[in-house]
Amino acid sequence: MITERQEKILHSLIKEYLDLAEPISSSLLQKKCHLDVSPATIRNELQELTELGYVHQPHTSAGRVPTDKGYRYFIEITFSRAEPPQFISREIEHAKEKIEQELKLVQELTKSLTELSSTLSYTRLEDKDTIFEMLKIIGPSRTTHDRNIDTIKKLLEEFENF
């Protein structure tokens, strides 16, 4: 098995790797782990974790990345607790907020499209004053169209940022 310090290093390495998607250096881990040890000590611990198969080093001058065995250990330790860790709870809460924002935008778009549909279906053209009747349709439609375009842009931006 691994030591408590190695476990803490592995846990921090995986969290950082999930955020950055690049090999993690010992100096970055020293800052993130808040261990009272030097980067050289962390490198020694990482070397042991490498030999045990929890992490690997893509090339000599690179940091370390987790292996499947490292991920499995991380999940076992993380989810062996009664409650999920805080960072997972925060991510879930953030996702809920984003979904609620998206639903509000969809509701706005649906309302706008319904207004446009009712405007077009209830407005009829008569022989006289045809241009005036057409302007009655186009006028509200243009405003609604612009509002719909703005709502669609917001939706697309939210989906890109999600």
C-alpha atoms as a PDB file:
ATOM      1  CA  MET A   1       0.000   0.000   0.000  1.00  0.00           C
ATOM      2  CA  ILE A   2       0.962   3.612  -0.230  1.00  0.00           C
ATOM      3  CA  THR A   3       1.719   6.022   2.600  1.00  0.00           C
ATOM      4  CA  GLU A   4      -0.587   8.843   3.696  1.00  0.00           C
ATOM      5  CA  ARG A   5       1.751  11.403   2.127  1.00  0.00           C
ATOM      6  CA  GLN A   6       1.832   9.471  -1.152  1.00  0.00           C
ATOM      7  CA  GLU A   7      -1.959   9.260  -1.069  1.00  0.00           C
ATOM      8  CA  LYS A   8      -2.205  13.024  -0.601  1.00  0.00           C
ATOM      9  CA  ILE A   9       0.278  13.593  -3.446  1.00  0.00           C
ATOM     10  CA  LEU A  10      -1.603  11.187  -5.734  1.00  0.00           C
ATOM     11  CA  HIS A  11      -4.932  12.817  -4.884  1.00  0.00           C
ATOM     12  CA  SER A  12      -3.570  16.302  -5.647  1.00  0.00           C
ATOM     13  CA  LEU A  13      -1.849  15.105  -8.819  1.00  0.00           C
ATOM     14  CA  ILE A  14      -5.091  13.615 -10.169  1.00  0.00           C
ATOM     15  CA  LYS A  15      -7.150  16.717  -9.321  1.00  0.00           C
ATOM     16  CA  GLU A  16      -4.596  18.980 -11.002  1.00  0.00           C
ATOM     17  CA  TYR A  17      -4.309  16.665 -13.999  1.00  0.00           C
ATOM     18  CA  LEU A  18      -8.097  16.701 -14.426  1.00  0.00           C
ATOM     19  CA  ASP A  19      -8.028  20.513 -14.406  1.00  0.00           C
ATOM     20  CA  LEU A  20      -4.960  21.067 -16.597  1.00  0.00           C
ATOM     21  CA  ALA A  21      -4.774  17.918 -18.768  1.00  0.00           C
ATOM     22  CA  GLU A  22      -0.970  18.025 -18.795  1.00  0.00           C
ATOM     23  CA  PRO A  23       1.787  16.337 -16.793  1.00  0.00           C
ATOM     24  CA  ILE A  24       2.009  17.726 -13.259  1.00  0.00           C
ATOM     25  CA  SER A  25       5.358  18.836 -11.831  1.00  0.00           C
ATOM     26  CA  SER A  26       6.607  18.300  -8.290  1.00  0.00           C
ATOM     27  CA  SER A  27       6.867  22.070  -7.692  1.00  0.00           C
ATOM     28  CA  LEU A  28       3.194  22.535  -8.632  1.00  0.00           C
ATOM     29  CA  LEU A  29       2.255  19.715  -6.274  1.00  0.00           C
ATOM     30  CA  GLN A  30       4.268  21.318  -3.483  1.00  0.00           C
ATOM     31  CA  LYS A  31       2.185  24.474  -3.855  1.00  0.00           C
ATOM     32  CA  LYS A  32      -1.118  22.607  -4.109  1.00  0.00           C
ATOM     33  CA  CYS A  33      -0.555  19.873  -1.475  1.00  0.00           C
ATOM     34  CA  HIS A  34       0.596  22.257   1.247  1.00  0.00           C
ATOM     35  CA  LEU A  35       3.172  19.728   2.364  1.00  0.00           C
ATOM     36  CA  ASP A  36       6.137  20.825   4.398  1.00  0.00           C
ATOM     37  CA  VAL A  37       8.556  18.949   2.148  1.00  0.00           C
ATOM     38  CA  SER A  38      10.758  19.975  -0.745  1.00  0.00           C
ATOM     39  CA  PRO A  39       9.969  19.328  -4.423  1.00  0.00           C
ATOM     40  CA  ALA A  40      12.808  16.773  -4.327  1.00  0.00           C
ATOM     41  CA  THR A  41      10.984  14.791  -1.641  1.00  0.00           C
ATOM     42  CA  ILE A  42       7.813  14.958  -3.720  1.00  0.00           C
ATOM     43  CA  ARG A  43       9.806  13.721  -6.742  1.00  0.00           C
ATOM     44  CA  ASN A  44      11.036  10.782  -4.647  1.00  0.00           C
ATOM     45  CA  GLU A  45       7.475   9.973  -3.622  1.00  0.00           C
ATOM     46  CA  LEU A  46       6.358  10.283  -7.242  1.00  0.00           C
ATOM     47  CA  GLN A  47       9.137   7.891  -8.234  1.00  0.00           C
ATOM     48  CA  GLU A  48       7.799   5.348  -5.749  1.00  0.00           C
ATOM     49  CA  LEU A  49       4.243   5.896  -7.051  1.00  0.00           C
ATOM     50  CA  THR A  50       5.606   5.340 -10.562  1.00  0.00           C
ATOM     51  CA  GLU A  51       7.246   2.077  -9.529  1.00  0.00           C
ATOM     52  CA  LEU A  52       3.977   0.987  -7.900  1.00  0.00           C
ATOM     53  CA  GLY A  53       2.110   1.789 -11.134  1.00  0.00           C
ATOM     54  CA  TYR A  54      -0.089   4.664  -9.892  1.00  0.00           C
ATOM     55  CA  VAL A  55       1.493   7.337 -12.104  1.00  0.00           C
ATOM     56  CA  HIS A  56       3.829   7.468 -15.059  1.00  0.00           C
ATOM     57  CA  GLN A  57       6.167   9.998 -16.602  1.00  0.00           C
ATOM     58  CA  PRO A  58       5.579  10.508 -20.348  1.00  0.00           C
ATOM     59  CA  HIS A  59       9.239  11.505 -20.856  1.00  0.00           C
ATOM     60  CA  THR A  60      12.250  12.280 -18.717  1.00  0.00           C
ATOM     61  CA  SER A  61      11.749  16.017 -18.261  1.00  0.00           C
ATOM     62  CA  ALA A  62       7.949  15.852 -17.938  1.00  0.00           C
ATOM     63  CA  GLY A  63       5.839  15.823 -14.822  1.00  0.00           C
ATOM     64  CA  ARG A  64       3.676  12.838 -13.942  1.00  0.00           C
ATOM     65  CA  VAL A  65       0.253  11.703 -15.130  1.00  0.00           C
ATOM     66  CA  PRO A  66      -2.054   9.215 -13.420  1.00  0.00           C
ATOM     67  CA  THR A  67      -2.457   5.659 -14.714  1.00  0.00           C
ATOM     68  CA  ASP A  68      -5.628   3.563 -14.690  1.00  0.00           C
ATOM     69  CA  LYS A  69      -4.462   2.064 -11.389  1.00  0.00           C
ATOM     70  CA  GLY A  70      -4.019   5.589  -9.990  1.00  0.00           C
ATOM     71  CA  TYR A  71      -7.512   6.620 -11.097  1.00  0.00           C
ATOM     72  CA  ARG A  72      -9.022   3.474  -9.571  1.00  0.00           C
ATOM     73  CA  TYR A  73      -7.295   4.149  -6.257  1.00  0.00           C
ATOM     74  CA  PHE A  74      -8.447   7.783  -6.368  1.00  0.00           C
ATOM     75  CA  ILE A  75     -12.067   6.729  -6.928  1.00  0.00           C
ATOM     76  CA  GLU A  76     -11.958   4.055  -4.218  1.00  0.00           C
ATOM     77  CA  ILE A  77     -10.592   6.508  -1.665  1.00  0.00           C
ATOM     78  CA  THR A  78     -12.767   9.429  -2.782  1.00  0.00           C
ATOM     79  CA  PHE A  79     -16.045   7.528  -2.821  1.00  0.00           C
ATOM     80  CA  SER A  80     -15.435   5.335   0.217  1.00  0.00           C
ATOM     81  CA  ARG A  81     -16.654   8.242   2.342  1.00  0.00           C
ATOM     82  CA  ALA A  82     -20.326   8.644   3.251  1.00  0.00           C
ATOM     83  CA  GLU A  83     -20.591  11.988   1.439  1.00  0.00           C
ATOM     84  CA  PRO A  84     -19.030  13.013  -1.872  1.00  0.00           C
ATOM     85  CA  PRO A  85     -16.023  15.337  -1.582  1.00  0.00           C
ATOM     86  CA  GLN A  86     -16.598  19.092  -1.637  1.00  0.00           C
ATOM     87  CA  PHE A  87     -15.127  19.616  -5.094  1.00  0.00           C
ATOM     88  CA  ILE A  88     -17.605  17.131  -6.583  1.00  0.00           C
ATOM     89  CA  SER A  89     -20.512  18.749  -4.714  1.00  0.00           C
ATOM     90  CA  ARG A  90     -19.430  22.157  -6.060  1.00  0.00           C
ATOM     91  CA  GLU A  91     -19.278  20.817  -9.619  1.00  0.00           C
ATOM     92  CA  ILE A  92     -22.746  19.293  -9.280  1.00  0.00           C
ATOM     93  CA  GLU A  93     -24.129  22.570  -7.922  1.00  0.00           C
ATOM     94  CA  HIS A  94     -22.469  24.520 -10.739  1.00  0.00           C
ATOM     95  CA  ALA A  95     -23.978  22.144 -13.329  1.00  0.00           C
ATOM     96  CA  LYS A  96     -27.438  22.563 -11.762  1.00  0.00           C
ATOM     97  CA  GLU A  97     -27.145  26.360 -11.976  1.00  0.00           C
ATOM     98  CA  LYS A  98     -26.090  26.175 -15.641  1.00  0.00           C
ATOM     99  CA  ILE A  99     -29.029  23.885 -16.450  1.00  0.00           C
ATOM    100  CA  GLU A 100     -31.444  26.283 -14.737  1.00  0.00           C
ATOM    101  CA  GLN A 101     -30.036  29.195 -16.791  1.00  0.00           C
ATOM    102  CA  GLU A 102     -30.436  27.164 -19.977  1.00  0.00           C
ATOM    103  CA  LEU A 103     -34.023  26.307 -19.101  1.00  0.00           C
ATOM    104  CA  LYS A 104     -34.843  29.979 -18.542  1.00  0.00           C
ATOM    105  CA  LEU A 105     -33.396  30.854 -21.946  1.00  0.00           C
ATOM    106  CA  VAL A 106     -35.382  28.044 -23.567  1.00  0.00           C
ATOM    107  CA  GLN A 107     -38.545  29.319 -21.890  1.00  0.00           C
ATOM    108  CA  GLU A 108     -37.883  32.823 -23.241  1.00  0.00           C
ATOM    109  CA  LEU A 109     -37.319  31.460 -26.724  1.00  0.00           C
ATOM    110  CA  THR A 110     -40.469  29.341 -26.562  1.00  0.00           C
ATOM    111  CA  LYS A 111     -42.486  32.350 -25.396  1.00  0.00           C
ATOM    112  CA  SER A 112     -41.093  34.493 -28.223  1.00  0.00           C
ATOM    113  CA  LEU A 113     -41.789  31.836 -30.830  1.00  0.00           C
ATOM    114  CA  THR A 114     -45.326  31.406 -29.490  1.00  0.00           C
ATOM    115  CA  GLU A 115     -45.923  35.161 -29.731  1.00  0.00           C
ATOM    116  CA  LEU A 116     -44.610  35.186 -33.277  1.00  0.00           C
ATOM    117  CA  SER A 117     -46.752  32.225 -34.225  1.00  0.00           C
ATOM    118  CA  SER A 118     -49.908  33.777 -32.794  1.00  0.00           C
ATOM    119  CA  THR A 119     -49.156  37.098 -34.489  1.00  0.00           C
ATOM    120  CA  LEU A 120     -48.765  35.422 -37.855  1.00  0.00           C
ATOM    121  CA  SER A 121     -51.771  33.135 -37.491  1.00  0.00           C
ATOM    122  CA  TYR A 122     -54.260  35.793 -36.319  1.00  0.00           C
ATOM    123  CA  THR A 123     -53.256  38.582 -38.654  1.00  0.00           C
ATOM    124  CA  ARG A 124     -55.048  38.331 -41.963  1.00  0.00           C
ATOM    125  CA  LEU A 125     -54.501  40.364 -45.038  1.00  0.00           C
ATOM    126  CA  GLU A 126     -57.390  42.224 -46.592  1.00  0.00           C
ATOM    127  CA  ASP A 127     -57.541  43.618 -50.091  1.00  0.00           C
ATOM    128  CA  LYS A 128     -57.400  47.235 -49.070  1.00  0.00           C
ATOM    129  CA  ASP A 129     -54.502  48.544 -47.084  1.00  0.00           C
ATOM    130  CA  THR A 130     -52.470  45.406 -47.847  1.00  0.00           C
ATOM    131  CA  ILE A 131     -49.180  47.187 -47.191  1.00  0.00           C
ATOM    132  CA  PHE A 132     -50.439  48.415 -43.833  1.00  0.00           C
ATOM    133  CA  GLU A 133     -51.532  44.884 -42.900  1.00  0.00           C
ATOM    134  CA  MET A 134     -48.139  43.493 -43.941  1.00  0.00           C
ATOM    135  CA  LEU A 135     -46.376  46.068 -41.799  1.00  0.00           C
ATOM    136  CA  LYS A 136     -48.486  44.974 -38.833  1.00  0.00           C
ATOM    137  CA  ILE A 137     -47.072  41.472 -39.298  1.00  0.00           C
ATOM    138  CA  ILE A 138     -43.491  42.515 -40.014  1.00  0.00           C
ATOM    139  CA  GLY A 139     -43.325  45.108 -37.221  1.00  0.00           C
ATOM    140  CA  PRO A 140     -43.861  42.771 -34.265  1.00  0.00           C
ATOM    141  CA  SER A 141     -42.065  39.972 -36.083  1.00  0.00           C
ATOM    142  CA  ARG A 142     -38.897  42.022 -36.468  1.00  0.00           C
ATOM    143  CA  THR A 143     -38.820  42.830 -32.751  1.00  0.00           C
ATOM    144  CA  THR A 144     -39.558  39.231 -31.884  1.00  0.00           C
ATOM    145  CA  HIS A 145     -36.984  38.047 -34.418  1.00  0.00           C
ATOM    146  CA  ASP A 146     -34.279  40.223 -32.864  1.00  0.00           C
ATOM    147  CA  ARG A 147     -35.200  39.007 -29.391  1.00  0.00           C
ATOM    148  CA  ASN A 148     -35.131  35.393 -30.608  1.00  0.00           C
ATOM    149  CA  ILE A 149     -31.714  35.888 -32.208  1.00  0.00           C
ATOM    150  CA  ASP A 150     -30.390  37.362 -28.939  1.00  0.00           C
ATOM    151  CA  THR A 151     -31.833  34.445 -26.968  1.00  0.00           C
ATOM    152  CA  ILE A 152     -30.341  31.916 -29.404  1.00  0.00           C
ATOM    153  CA  LYS A 153     -26.945  33.649 -29.138  1.00  0.00           C
ATOM    154  CA  LYS A 154     -27.121  33.452 -25.342  1.00  0.00           C
ATOM    155  CA  LEU A 155     -28.031  29.768 -25.528  1.00  0.00           C
ATOM    156  CA  LEU A 156     -25.130  29.012 -27.853  1.00  0.00           C
ATOM    157  CA  GLU A 157     -22.693  30.926 -25.637  1.00  0.00           C
ATOM    158  CA  GLU A 158     -23.941  29.072 -22.568  1.00  0.00           C
ATOM    159  CA  PHE A 159     -23.580  25.698 -24.321  1.00  0.00           C
ATOM    160  CA  GLU A 160     -20.046  26.596 -25.446  1.00  0.00           C
ATOM    161  CA  ASN A 161     -19.104  27.589 -21.885  1.00  0.00           C
ATOM    162  CA  PHE A 162     -20.777  24.512 -20.373  1.00  0.00           C
END
